Amino acid sequence: MDTTPYQIAKKVREQCEQWNEDNEGYFYSGLSGMCAIASVALTKTFHEHGFKDAVFIEGEYIEGKFVHRVKNYLYGLGHCWVELNDKIYDITATQFNNIKKEILVVEASNKRYINRTKRDVYRHRFHGWPVDQKPIQNKIKAILK
């Protein structure tokens, strides 16, 4: 496998697509619903290639009509991605409208991404997420085989 972060992300995206195809389109178009699983797989692969600073992030993606505000608190769509070297690596951003890049790399300060991992540390990770979208180890292993 190539060893730049972008090349690693591309390979993991391809592995996720292959797993989805092998499982008869288990997830929707653009890998919608697969963000947690794909992001855990990407984080694990980054670590295996020496990028130990890669961090799995659970948060929200801000997209047009799906945004609402409650007492200055902005909410978007539940989403996961990986942060490495002040960059966001999002290999499932194609699930959102108008994003065509299979590997989206943007600054970690991008306003469309709200990191809830650090801010809401009391919140149980993946509480309320559909069971099939949770990053269960057997799915991660099957993708990265």
N, C-alpha and C. Protein backbone atom coordinates (compact mmCIF):
# COMPACT_ATOMS: atom_id res chain seq x y z
N MET A 1 0.85 -1.18 0.00
CA MET A 1 0.00 0.00 0.00
C MET A 1 0.89 1.23 0.00
N ASP A 2 0.47 2.26 -0.74
CA ASP A 2 1.21 3.52 -0.74
C ASP A 2 1.13 4.16 0.64
N THR A 3 2.06 5.08 0.90
CA THR A 3 2.16 5.54 2.28
C THR A 3 1.90 7.02 2.54
N THR A 4 1.45 7.80 1.58
CA THR A 4 1.05 9.16 1.92
C THR A 4 -0.37 9.08 2.50
N PRO A 5 -0.73 10.03 3.36
CA PRO A 5 -2.08 9.97 3.92
C PRO A 5 -3.17 9.92 2.85
N TYR A 6 -3.01 10.70 1.78
CA TYR A 6 -4.03 10.69 0.73
C TYR A 6 -4.12 9.31 0.06
N GLN A 7 -2.98 8.71 -0.24
CA GLN A 7 -2.97 7.39 -0.88
C GLN A 7 -3.57 6.32 0.04
N ILE A 8 -3.28 6.42 1.32
CA ILE A 8 -3.86 5.48 2.28
C ILE A 8 -5.37 5.66 2.32
N ALA A 9 -5.82 6.90 2.37
CA ALA A 9 -7.26 7.18 2.40
C ALA A 9 -7.94 6.64 1.14
N LYS A 10 -7.30 6.82 0.01
CA LYS A 10 -7.85 6.32 -1.26
C LYS A 10 -8.00 4.80 -1.23
N LYS A 11 -6.98 4.12 -0.73
CA LYS A 11 -7.02 2.66 -0.66
C LYS A 11 -8.12 2.18 0.29
N VAL A 12 -8.24 2.81 1.45
CA VAL A 12 -9.28 2.41 2.40
C VAL A 12 -10.66 2.68 1.81
N ARG A 13 -10.83 3.78 1.11
CA ARG A 13 -12.11 4.07 0.44
C ARG A 13 -12.43 2.95 -0.56
N GLU A 14 -11.44 2.54 -1.34
CA GLU A 14 -11.64 1.44 -2.30
C GLU A 14 -12.03 0.15 -1.58
N GLN A 15 -11.40 -0.12 -0.45
CA GLN A 15 -11.73 -1.32 0.32
C GLN A 15 -13.16 -1.24 0.86
N CYS A 16 -13.58 -0.06 1.29
CA CYS A 16 -14.95 0.12 1.77
C CYS A 16 -15.96 -0.09 0.64
N GLU A 17 -15.65 0.46 -0.52
CA GLU A 17 -16.53 0.28 -1.68
C GLU A 17 -16.62 -1.19 -2.06
N GLN A 18 -15.48 -1.89 -2.03
CA GLN A 18 -15.48 -3.31 -2.38
C GLN A 18 -16.31 -4.11 -1.37
N TRP A 19 -16.13 -3.82 -0.09
CA TRP A 19 -16.91 -4.51 0.94
C TRP A 19 -18.39 -4.26 0.73
N ASN A 20 -18.76 -3.01 0.43
CA ASN A 20 -20.16 -2.67 0.20
C ASN A 20 -20.71 -3.42 -1.02
N GLU A 21 -19.92 -3.48 -2.07
CA GLU A 21 -20.34 -4.21 -3.27
C GLU A 21 -20.48 -5.71 -2.98
N ASP A 22 -19.52 -6.28 -2.26
CA ASP A 22 -19.57 -7.70 -1.90
C ASP A 22 -20.78 -8.03 -1.02
N ASN A 23 -21.26 -7.03 -0.31
CA ASN A 23 -22.41 -7.21 0.57
C ASN A 23 -23.68 -6.60 -0.03
N GLU A 24 -23.74 -6.62 -1.35
CA GLU A 24 -24.92 -6.24 -2.13
C GLU A 24 -25.46 -4.86 -1.79
N GLY A 25 -24.56 -3.89 -1.70
CA GLY A 25 -24.99 -2.51 -1.45
C GLY A 25 -25.59 -2.31 -0.08
N TYR A 26 -24.97 -2.92 0.92
CA TYR A 26 -25.44 -2.84 2.31
C TYR A 26 -25.67 -1.38 2.71
N PHE A 27 -24.73 -0.52 2.31
CA PHE A 27 -24.89 0.91 2.58
C PHE A 27 -25.34 1.61 1.32
N TYR A 28 -25.85 2.80 1.47
CA TYR A 28 -26.42 3.55 0.36
C TYR A 28 -25.36 4.14 -0.55
N SER A 29 -25.83 4.80 -1.57
CA SER A 29 -24.97 5.48 -2.54
C SER A 29 -24.04 6.46 -1.83
N GLY A 30 -22.79 6.53 -2.31
CA GLY A 30 -21.82 7.44 -1.72
C GLY A 30 -21.33 6.98 -0.36
N LEU A 31 -21.58 5.71 -0.03
CA LEU A 31 -21.23 5.12 1.26
C LEU A 31 -21.97 5.80 2.41
N SER A 32 -23.14 6.31 2.12
CA SER A 32 -23.97 6.94 3.14
C SER A 32 -24.30 5.92 4.23
N GLY A 33 -24.07 6.30 5.46
CA GLY A 33 -24.31 5.42 6.59
C GLY A 33 -23.08 4.64 7.02
N MET A 34 -22.00 4.76 6.26
CA MET A 34 -20.79 3.99 6.55
C MET A 34 -19.68 4.84 7.16
N CYS A 35 -19.97 6.08 7.52
CA CYS A 35 -18.90 7.00 7.95
C CYS A 35 -18.16 6.52 9.18
N ALA A 36 -18.85 6.00 10.18
CA ALA A 36 -18.16 5.55 11.41
C ALA A 36 -17.26 4.36 11.11
N ILE A 37 -17.78 3.40 10.40
CA ILE A 37 -17.02 2.20 10.07
C ILE A 37 -15.80 2.56 9.22
N ALA A 38 -16.02 3.35 8.17
CA ALA A 38 -14.93 3.74 7.27
C ALA A 38 -13.89 4.58 8.01
N SER A 39 -14.32 5.45 8.89
CA SER A 39 -13.38 6.33 9.61
C SER A 39 -12.56 5.55 10.63
N VAL A 40 -13.16 4.56 11.29
CA VAL A 40 -12.39 3.71 12.19
C VAL A 40 -11.37 2.91 11.39
N ALA A 41 -11.79 2.38 10.24
CA ALA A 41 -10.87 1.62 9.39
C ALA A 41 -9.71 2.51 8.92
N LEU A 42 -10.02 3.75 8.56
CA LEU A 42 -8.98 4.68 8.11
C LEU A 42 -8.02 5.03 9.25
N THR A 43 -8.56 5.29 10.43
CA THR A 43 -7.72 5.61 11.58
C THR A 43 -6.78 4.45 11.89
N LYS A 44 -7.32 3.25 11.90
CA LYS A 44 -6.51 2.05 12.17
C LYS A 44 -5.40 1.91 11.13
N THR A 45 -5.71 2.13 9.87
CA THR A 45 -4.72 2.00 8.80
C THR A 45 -3.67 3.11 8.88
N PHE A 46 -4.09 4.32 9.19
CA PHE A 46 -3.12 5.39 9.41
C PHE A 46 -2.13 5.00 10.51
N HIS A 47 -2.65 4.49 11.62
CA HIS A 47 -1.78 4.10 12.74
C HIS A 47 -0.80 3.00 12.31
N GLU A 48 -1.28 2.03 11.55
CA GLU A 48 -0.42 0.94 11.08
C GLU A 48 0.71 1.44 10.17
N HIS A 49 0.48 2.58 9.51
CA HIS A 49 1.50 3.15 8.62
C HIS A 49 2.32 4.25 9.30
N GLY A 50 2.24 4.30 10.62
CA GLY A 50 3.08 5.23 11.37
C GLY A 50 2.50 6.60 11.63
N PHE A 51 1.28 6.85 11.17
CA PHE A 51 0.62 8.13 11.41
C PHE A 51 -0.17 8.03 12.72
N LYS A 52 0.56 7.99 13.82
CA LYS A 52 -0.02 7.74 15.14
C LYS A 52 -0.87 8.91 15.64
N ASP A 53 -0.72 10.09 15.03
CA ASP A 53 -1.50 11.26 15.44
C ASP A 53 -2.90 11.30 14.82
N ALA A 54 -3.21 10.34 13.97
CA ALA A 54 -4.54 10.30 13.36
C ALA A 54 -5.58 10.04 14.45
N VAL A 55 -6.65 10.83 14.42
CA VAL A 55 -7.69 10.74 15.45
C VAL A 55 -9.05 10.56 14.79
N PHE A 56 -9.78 9.56 15.26
CA PHE A 56 -11.17 9.35 14.84
C PHE A 56 -12.02 10.44 15.48
N ILE A 57 -12.88 11.07 14.68
CA ILE A 57 -13.74 12.14 15.17
C ILE A 57 -15.20 11.80 14.92
N GLU A 58 -16.00 11.96 15.95
CA GLU A 58 -17.45 11.87 15.81
C GLU A 58 -17.99 13.28 15.97
N GLY A 59 -18.81 13.71 15.03
CA GLY A 59 -19.34 15.06 15.10
C GLY A 59 -20.53 15.23 14.18
N GLU A 60 -20.58 16.39 13.58
CA GLU A 60 -21.68 16.70 12.68
C GLU A 60 -21.17 17.44 11.45
N TYR A 61 -21.84 17.18 10.35
CA TYR A 61 -21.54 17.86 9.09
C TYR A 61 -22.67 18.84 8.83
N ILE A 62 -22.33 20.08 8.55
CA ILE A 62 -23.33 21.12 8.31
C ILE A 62 -23.64 21.19 6.82
N GLU A 63 -24.88 20.91 6.49
CA GLU A 63 -25.30 20.93 5.09
C GLU A 63 -26.66 21.58 4.95
N GLY A 64 -26.66 22.74 4.36
CA GLY A 64 -27.88 23.46 3.99
C GLY A 64 -29.07 23.30 4.90
N LYS A 65 -30.13 22.69 4.39
CA LYS A 65 -31.41 22.63 5.09
C LYS A 65 -31.40 21.76 6.33
N PHE A 66 -30.32 21.01 6.54
CA PHE A 66 -30.26 20.11 7.69
C PHE A 66 -29.63 20.77 8.93
N VAL A 67 -29.43 22.07 8.87
CA VAL A 67 -28.81 22.79 9.98
C VAL A 67 -29.90 23.43 10.82
N HIS A 68 -29.75 23.35 12.13
CA HIS A 68 -30.61 24.13 13.01
C HIS A 68 -29.81 24.58 14.22
N ARG A 69 -30.28 25.63 14.86
CA ARG A 69 -29.56 26.24 15.97
C ARG A 69 -30.47 26.27 17.20
N VAL A 70 -29.91 25.89 18.33
CA VAL A 70 -30.62 25.98 19.60
C VAL A 70 -29.69 26.69 20.58
N LYS A 71 -30.08 27.87 21.01
CA LYS A 71 -29.27 28.65 21.97
C LYS A 71 -27.80 28.73 21.55
N ASN A 72 -27.56 29.19 20.35
CA ASN A 72 -26.20 29.35 19.80
C ASN A 72 -25.45 28.03 19.64
N TYR A 73 -26.14 26.94 19.67
CA TYR A 73 -25.53 25.63 19.49
C TYR A 73 -25.97 25.12 18.13
N LEU A 74 -25.02 24.94 17.22
CA LEU A 74 -25.32 24.56 15.85
C LEU A 74 -25.35 23.04 15.71
N TYR A 75 -26.38 22.52 15.08
CA TYR A 75 -26.52 21.09 14.86
C TYR A 75 -26.55 20.80 13.37
N GLY A 76 -25.96 19.70 12.97
CA GLY A 76 -26.00 19.27 11.58
C GLY A 76 -26.32 17.78 11.53
N LEU A 77 -25.77 17.11 10.53
CA LEU A 77 -25.99 15.68 10.35
C LEU A 77 -24.90 14.90 11.09
N GLY A 78 -25.27 13.89 11.84
CA GLY A 78 -24.29 13.05 12.52
C GLY A 78 -23.31 12.49 11.50
N HIS A 79 -22.03 12.60 11.80
CA HIS A 79 -21.02 12.19 10.83
C HIS A 79 -19.71 11.87 11.54
N CYS A 80 -18.85 11.09 10.89
CA CYS A 80 -17.53 10.76 11.41
C CYS A 80 -16.47 10.96 10.33
N TRP A 81 -15.25 11.28 10.77
CA TRP A 81 -14.13 11.49 9.86
C TRP A 81 -12.85 11.29 10.65
N VAL A 82 -11.71 11.52 10.01
CA VAL A 82 -10.41 11.38 10.67
C VAL A 82 -9.66 12.70 10.56
N GLU A 83 -9.00 13.08 11.65
CA GLU A 83 -8.15 14.26 11.61
C GLU A 83 -6.70 13.84 11.77
N LEU A 84 -5.85 14.44 10.93
CA LEU A 84 -4.42 14.16 10.94
C LEU A 84 -3.69 15.41 10.46
N ASN A 85 -2.74 15.87 11.23
CA ASN A 85 -1.92 17.04 10.87
C ASN A 85 -2.78 18.25 10.49
N ASP A 86 -3.77 18.55 11.31
CA ASP A 86 -4.66 19.70 11.12
C ASP A 86 -5.47 19.63 9.83
N LYS A 87 -5.68 18.43 9.32
CA LYS A 87 -6.50 18.20 8.13
C LYS A 87 -7.60 17.20 8.48
N ILE A 88 -8.72 17.35 7.81
CA ILE A 88 -9.81 16.37 7.89
C ILE A 88 -9.70 15.48 6.67
N TYR A 89 -9.73 14.17 6.90
CA TYR A 89 -9.79 13.19 5.83
C TYR A 89 -11.16 12.54 5.92
N ASP A 90 -12.01 12.83 4.95
CA ASP A 90 -13.37 12.32 4.94
C ASP A 90 -13.54 11.44 3.71
N ILE A 91 -13.62 10.14 3.92
CA ILE A 91 -13.72 9.22 2.78
C ILE A 91 -15.16 8.81 2.48
N THR A 92 -16.12 9.40 3.19
CA THR A 92 -17.53 9.14 2.89
C THR A 92 -18.31 10.44 2.66
N ALA A 93 -17.63 11.52 2.37
CA ALA A 93 -18.30 12.82 2.15
C ALA A 93 -19.19 12.80 0.92
N THR A 94 -19.01 11.83 0.04
CA THR A 94 -19.83 11.73 -1.17
C THR A 94 -21.29 11.47 -0.84
N GLN A 95 -21.59 11.14 0.40
CA GLN A 95 -23.00 10.94 0.78
C GLN A 95 -23.75 12.28 0.87
N PHE A 96 -23.01 13.38 0.91
CA PHE A 96 -23.64 14.69 1.01
C PHE A 96 -23.82 15.32 -0.37
N ASN A 97 -24.83 16.16 -0.48
CA ASN A 97 -25.13 16.83 -1.75
C ASN A 97 -23.93 17.61 -2.26
N ASN A 98 -23.72 17.54 -3.54
CA ASN A 98 -22.71 18.34 -4.25
C ASN A 98 -21.26 17.99 -3.93
N ILE A 99 -20.98 16.93 -3.20
CA ILE A 99 -19.59 16.54 -2.96
C ILE A 99 -19.29 15.35 -3.86
N LYS A 100 -18.40 15.57 -4.78
CA LYS A 100 -18.05 14.54 -5.76
C LYS A 100 -16.72 13.87 -5.45
N LYS A 101 -15.85 14.55 -4.68
CA LYS A 101 -14.54 14.00 -4.38
C LYS A 101 -14.67 12.79 -3.45
N GLU A 102 -14.13 11.68 -3.88
CA GLU A 102 -14.21 10.47 -3.06
C GLU A 102 -13.34 10.58 -1.81
N ILE A 103 -12.26 11.34 -1.90
CA ILE A 103 -11.41 11.60 -0.75
C ILE A 103 -11.41 13.11 -0.55
N LEU A 104 -12.11 13.55 0.46
CA LEU A 104 -12.17 14.98 0.73
C LEU A 104 -11.15 15.30 1.83
N VAL A 105 -10.23 16.21 1.52
CA VAL A 105 -9.23 16.66 2.48
C VAL A 105 -9.39 18.17 2.62
N VAL A 106 -9.73 18.60 3.83
CA VAL A 106 -9.92 20.02 4.10
C VAL A 106 -9.24 20.36 5.43
N GLU A 107 -9.09 21.64 5.70
CA GLU A 107 -8.51 22.08 6.97
C GLU A 107 -9.40 21.64 8.12
N ALA A 108 -8.79 21.27 9.24
CA ALA A 108 -9.55 20.84 10.41
C ALA A 108 -10.46 21.95 10.95
N SER A 109 -10.17 23.18 10.58
CA SER A 109 -10.98 24.32 11.02
C SER A 109 -12.19 24.58 10.11
N ASN A 110 -12.40 23.74 9.11
CA ASN A 110 -13.51 23.91 8.18
C ASN A 110 -14.83 24.01 8.94
N LYS A 111 -15.60 25.06 8.66
CA LYS A 111 -16.83 25.35 9.41
C LYS A 111 -17.96 24.35 9.17
N ARG A 112 -17.84 23.54 8.13
CA ARG A 112 -18.88 22.54 7.88
C ARG A 112 -18.77 21.32 8.81
N TYR A 113 -17.62 21.18 9.43
CA TYR A 113 -17.38 20.04 10.32
C TYR A 113 -17.36 20.51 11.77
N ILE A 114 -18.24 19.94 12.58
CA ILE A 114 -18.28 20.27 14.00
C ILE A 114 -17.83 19.04 14.78
N ASN A 115 -16.71 19.17 15.44
CA ASN A 115 -16.13 18.09 16.22
C ASN A 115 -16.84 18.00 17.56
N ARG A 116 -17.54 16.90 17.80
CA ARG A 116 -18.24 16.70 19.07
C ARG A 116 -17.47 15.74 19.98
N THR A 117 -16.45 15.09 19.46
CA THR A 117 -15.70 14.11 20.24
C THR A 117 -15.07 14.75 21.46
N LYS A 118 -14.38 15.86 21.28
CA LYS A 118 -13.68 16.50 22.39
C LYS A 118 -14.65 17.30 23.25
N ARG A 119 -15.62 17.91 22.62
CA ARG A 119 -16.52 18.81 23.32
C ARG A 119 -17.52 18.05 24.20
N ASP A 120 -18.05 16.97 23.70
CA ASP A 120 -19.08 16.23 24.43
C ASP A 120 -18.50 14.91 24.94
N VAL A 121 -17.45 15.00 25.72
CA VAL A 121 -16.78 13.78 26.18
C VAL A 121 -17.66 12.93 27.08
N TYR A 122 -18.67 13.50 27.67
CA TYR A 122 -19.57 12.76 28.54
C TYR A 122 -20.55 11.88 27.75
N ARG A 123 -20.72 12.22 26.48
CA ARG A 123 -21.71 11.51 25.65
C ARG A 123 -21.19 10.14 25.28
N HIS A 124 -22.01 9.14 25.44
CA HIS A 124 -21.62 7.78 25.06
C HIS A 124 -21.46 7.72 23.55
N ARG A 125 -20.29 7.31 23.09
CA ARG A 125 -20.02 7.25 21.66
C ARG A 125 -20.98 6.28 20.97
N PHE A 126 -21.61 6.77 19.93
CA PHE A 126 -22.54 6.03 19.07
C PHE A 126 -23.87 5.69 19.75
N HIS A 127 -24.13 6.34 20.87
CA HIS A 127 -25.43 6.17 21.51
C HIS A 127 -26.50 6.67 20.53
N GLY A 128 -27.46 5.85 20.26
CA GLY A 128 -28.54 6.23 19.35
C GLY A 128 -28.25 5.99 17.88
N TRP A 129 -27.03 5.55 17.55
CA TRP A 129 -26.73 5.26 16.14
C TRP A 129 -27.37 3.92 15.77
N PRO A 130 -27.81 3.78 14.51
CA PRO A 130 -28.32 2.48 14.07
C PRO A 130 -27.25 1.40 14.23
N VAL A 131 -27.66 0.23 14.67
CA VAL A 131 -26.73 -0.86 14.94
C VAL A 131 -25.85 -1.18 13.73
N ASP A 132 -26.42 -1.17 12.54
CA ASP A 132 -25.64 -1.54 11.35
C ASP A 132 -24.60 -0.49 10.97
N GLN A 133 -24.67 0.71 11.56
CA GLN A 133 -23.70 1.76 11.26
C GLN A 133 -22.58 1.85 12.30
N LYS A 134 -22.69 1.10 13.38
CA LYS A 134 -21.67 1.15 14.43
C LYS A 134 -20.41 0.42 13.95
N PRO A 135 -19.23 0.96 14.27
CA PRO A 135 -17.98 0.35 13.79
C PRO A 135 -17.57 -0.89 14.59
N ILE A 136 -18.27 -1.97 14.33
CA ILE A 136 -18.02 -3.23 15.01
C ILE A 136 -16.76 -3.87 14.41
N GLN A 137 -15.92 -4.44 15.26
CA GLN A 137 -14.62 -4.95 14.83
C GLN A 137 -14.69 -5.94 13.67
N ASN A 138 -15.68 -6.83 13.65
CA ASN A 138 -15.71 -7.80 12.55
C ASN A 138 -15.93 -7.13 11.19
N LYS A 139 -16.66 -6.01 11.16
CA LYS A 139 -16.83 -5.28 9.90
C LYS A 139 -15.51 -4.61 9.49
N ILE A 140 -14.82 -4.03 10.48
CA ILE A 140 -13.54 -3.38 10.19
C ILE A 140 -12.54 -4.39 9.63
N LYS A 141 -12.48 -5.55 10.27
CA LYS A 141 -11.54 -6.60 9.81
C LYS A 141 -11.90 -7.08 8.40
N ALA A 142 -13.19 -7.24 8.13
CA ALA A 142 -13.61 -7.69 6.80
C ALA A 142 -13.26 -6.67 5.72
N ILE A 143 -13.38 -5.40 6.04
CA ILE A 143 -13.06 -4.34 5.07
C ILE A 143 -11.57 -4.30 4.79
N LEU A 144 -10.77 -4.43 5.83
CA LEU A 144 -9.31 -4.27 5.69
C LEU A 144 -8.58 -5.56 5.38
N LYS A 145 -9.30 -6.63 5.09
CA LYS A 145 -8.65 -7.92 4.84
C LYS A 145 -7.64 -7.88 3.72
